[in-house]
Amino acid sequence: MFEIKIFDHLKDYTIRDYFPIFIIVTGYMLFRPYIMKIGGELQKREHRKAGMESRDAAVKKALSLEEVDEQYQEETSKSVWGRNARRRQKNVMKQIEKRFARQEEMDANYESDKEIDEFLTE
């Protein structure tokens, strides 16, 4: 029958043979936590960078109604699924745009009121 001798070659090892293995394993155990922390920090930076890029892209897409209109036209010609949801989203975008316009008008009126107040107090 065939004998499996796994640890027979270890009998011939001396302390000099074990010393490099001991140094490598000990070094790995000592420096692994620091290497993991450095890797974690690098990964956090990459996630933040990717998150900022995706956020910027989402804001640009949300504020550009022309792209939404084009996408809406393409999708409605292809299928009927989600038509009402797209209409609701388009109406929401129009309302947001109107609010921004109203806010700009109010800010402009407030500035003109300040200018008039300057002339009245002098």
Protein backbone atom coordinates (compact mmCIF):
# COMPACT_ATOMS: atom_id res chain seq x y z
CA MET A 1 0.00 0.00 0.00
CA PHE A 2 1.08 3.57 -0.71
CA GLU A 3 2.31 5.52 2.31
CA ILE A 4 1.76 9.26 2.59
CA LYS A 5 4.56 10.95 4.46
CA ILE A 6 3.67 14.60 4.77
CA PHE A 7 6.00 15.72 7.54
CA ASP A 8 9.04 13.57 6.75
CA HIS A 9 10.88 16.42 5.03
CA LEU A 10 10.56 18.57 8.18
CA LYS A 11 12.84 16.19 10.08
CA ASP A 12 15.82 17.44 8.12
CA TYR A 13 15.18 21.13 8.90
CA THR A 14 17.48 22.93 11.32
CA ILE A 15 17.04 26.17 13.24
CA ARG A 16 18.69 28.02 10.37
CA ASP A 17 16.00 26.69 8.03
CA TYR A 18 13.17 27.78 10.33
CA PHE A 19 14.60 31.24 11.02
CA PRO A 20 13.60 32.89 7.66
CA ILE A 21 10.11 31.41 7.92
CA PHE A 22 9.80 32.74 11.47
CA ILE A 23 10.93 36.24 10.37
CA ILE A 24 8.46 36.36 7.48
CA VAL A 25 5.48 35.15 9.55
CA THR A 26 6.31 37.49 12.46
CA GLY A 27 6.73 40.46 10.14
CA TYR A 28 3.41 39.72 8.50
CA MET A 29 1.66 39.48 11.86
CA LEU A 30 3.19 42.76 13.07
CA PHE A 31 2.58 44.86 9.97
CA ARG A 32 -0.76 43.46 8.79
CA PRO A 33 -2.96 45.78 10.95
CA TYR A 34 -1.11 48.85 9.67
CA ILE A 35 -1.33 47.72 6.08
CA MET A 36 -5.06 47.08 6.52
CA LYS A 37 -5.59 50.59 7.94
CA ILE A 38 -3.73 52.17 5.06
CA GLY A 39 -5.75 50.13 2.58
CA GLY A 40 -8.98 51.12 4.33
CA GLU A 41 -8.12 54.82 4.13
CA LEU A 42 -7.29 54.52 0.44
CA GLN A 43 -10.58 52.74 -0.17
CA LYS A 44 -12.52 55.45 1.73
CA ARG A 45 -10.92 58.13 -0.45
CA GLU A 46 -11.90 56.26 -3.60
CA HIS A 47 -15.49 55.83 -2.36
CA ARG A 48 -15.78 59.52 -1.50
CA LYS A 49 -14.40 60.49 -4.89
CA ALA A 50 -16.80 58.15 -6.69
CA GLY A 51 -19.70 59.37 -4.52
CA MET A 52 -19.01 63.01 -5.34
CA GLU A 53 -18.82 62.26 -9.05
CA SER A 54 -22.08 60.32 -9.03
CA ARG A 55 -23.78 63.04 -6.95
CA ASP A 56 -22.66 65.72 -9.40
CA ALA A 57 -23.92 63.67 -12.32
CA ALA A 58 -27.28 63.11 -10.60
CA VAL A 59 -27.69 66.84 -9.90
CA LYS A 60 -26.89 67.75 -13.48
CA LYS A 61 -29.33 65.16 -14.76
CA ALA A 62 -32.07 66.30 -12.38
CA LEU A 63 -31.71 69.97 -13.31
CA SER A 64 -31.65 69.52 -17.07
CA LEU A 65 -35.23 69.19 -18.24
CA GLU A 66 -34.21 68.96 -21.88
CA GLU A 67 -32.53 65.63 -21.29
CA VAL A 68 -35.59 64.43 -19.38
CA ASP A 69 -37.86 65.50 -22.24
CA GLU A 70 -35.69 63.69 -24.78
CA GLN A 71 -35.55 60.60 -22.62
CA TYR A 72 -39.32 60.80 -22.10
CA GLN A 73 -39.95 60.98 -25.84
CA GLU A 74 -37.66 58.01 -26.50
CA GLU A 75 -39.22 55.89 -23.78
CA THR A 76 -42.82 56.70 -24.71
CA SER A 77 -42.18 55.70 -28.30
CA LYS A 78 -40.71 52.38 -27.11
CA SER A 79 -43.20 51.29 -24.48
CA VAL A 80 -46.13 52.34 -22.32
CA TRP A 81 -44.78 51.03 -18.98
CA GLY A 82 -44.19 53.78 -16.41
CA ARG A 83 -45.74 56.57 -18.45
CA ASN A 84 -47.60 58.03 -15.48
CA ALA A 85 -44.49 57.92 -13.30
CA ARG A 86 -42.52 59.81 -15.96
CA ARG A 87 -45.28 62.40 -16.22
CA ARG A 88 -45.31 62.85 -12.44
CA GLN A 89 -41.54 63.23 -12.43
CA LYS A 90 -41.69 65.78 -15.23
CA ASN A 91 -44.32 67.78 -13.31
CA VAL A 92 -42.19 67.65 -10.16
CA MET A 93 -39.19 68.96 -12.10
CA LYS A 94 -41.30 71.82 -13.50
CA GLN A 95 -42.47 72.71 -9.99
CA ILE A 96 -38.89 72.73 -8.71
CA GLU A 97 -37.87 74.99 -11.57
CA LYS A 98 -40.78 77.36 -10.80
CA ARG A 99 -39.75 77.51 -7.14
CA PHE A 100 -36.21 78.43 -8.11
CA ALA A 101 -37.53 81.14 -10.43
CA ARG A 102 -39.80 82.52 -7.69
CA GLN A 103 -36.92 82.52 -5.21
CA GLU A 104 -34.75 84.44 -7.67
CA GLU A 105 -37.53 87.00 -8.18
CA MET A 106 -37.96 87.40 -4.42
CA ASP A 107 -34.22 87.88 -3.98
CA ALA A 108 -34.18 90.48 -6.75
CA ASN A 109 -37.13 92.32 -5.14
CA TYR A 110 -35.39 92.21 -1.76
CA GLU A 111 -32.27 93.76 -3.27
CA SER A 112 -34.28 96.54 -4.91
CA ASP A 113 -36.05 97.17 -1.58
CA LYS A 114 -32.66 97.59 0.08
CA GLU A 115 -31.63 100.14 -2.55
CA ILE A 116 -34.85 102.11 -1.99
CA ASP A 117 -34.33 101.99 1.78
CA GLU A 118 -30.87 103.51 1.33
CA PHE A 119 -32.34 106.50 -0.50
CA LEU A 120 -35.16 106.94 2.04
CA THR A 121 -32.90 106.95 5.08
CA GLU A 122 -30.52 109.55 3.68
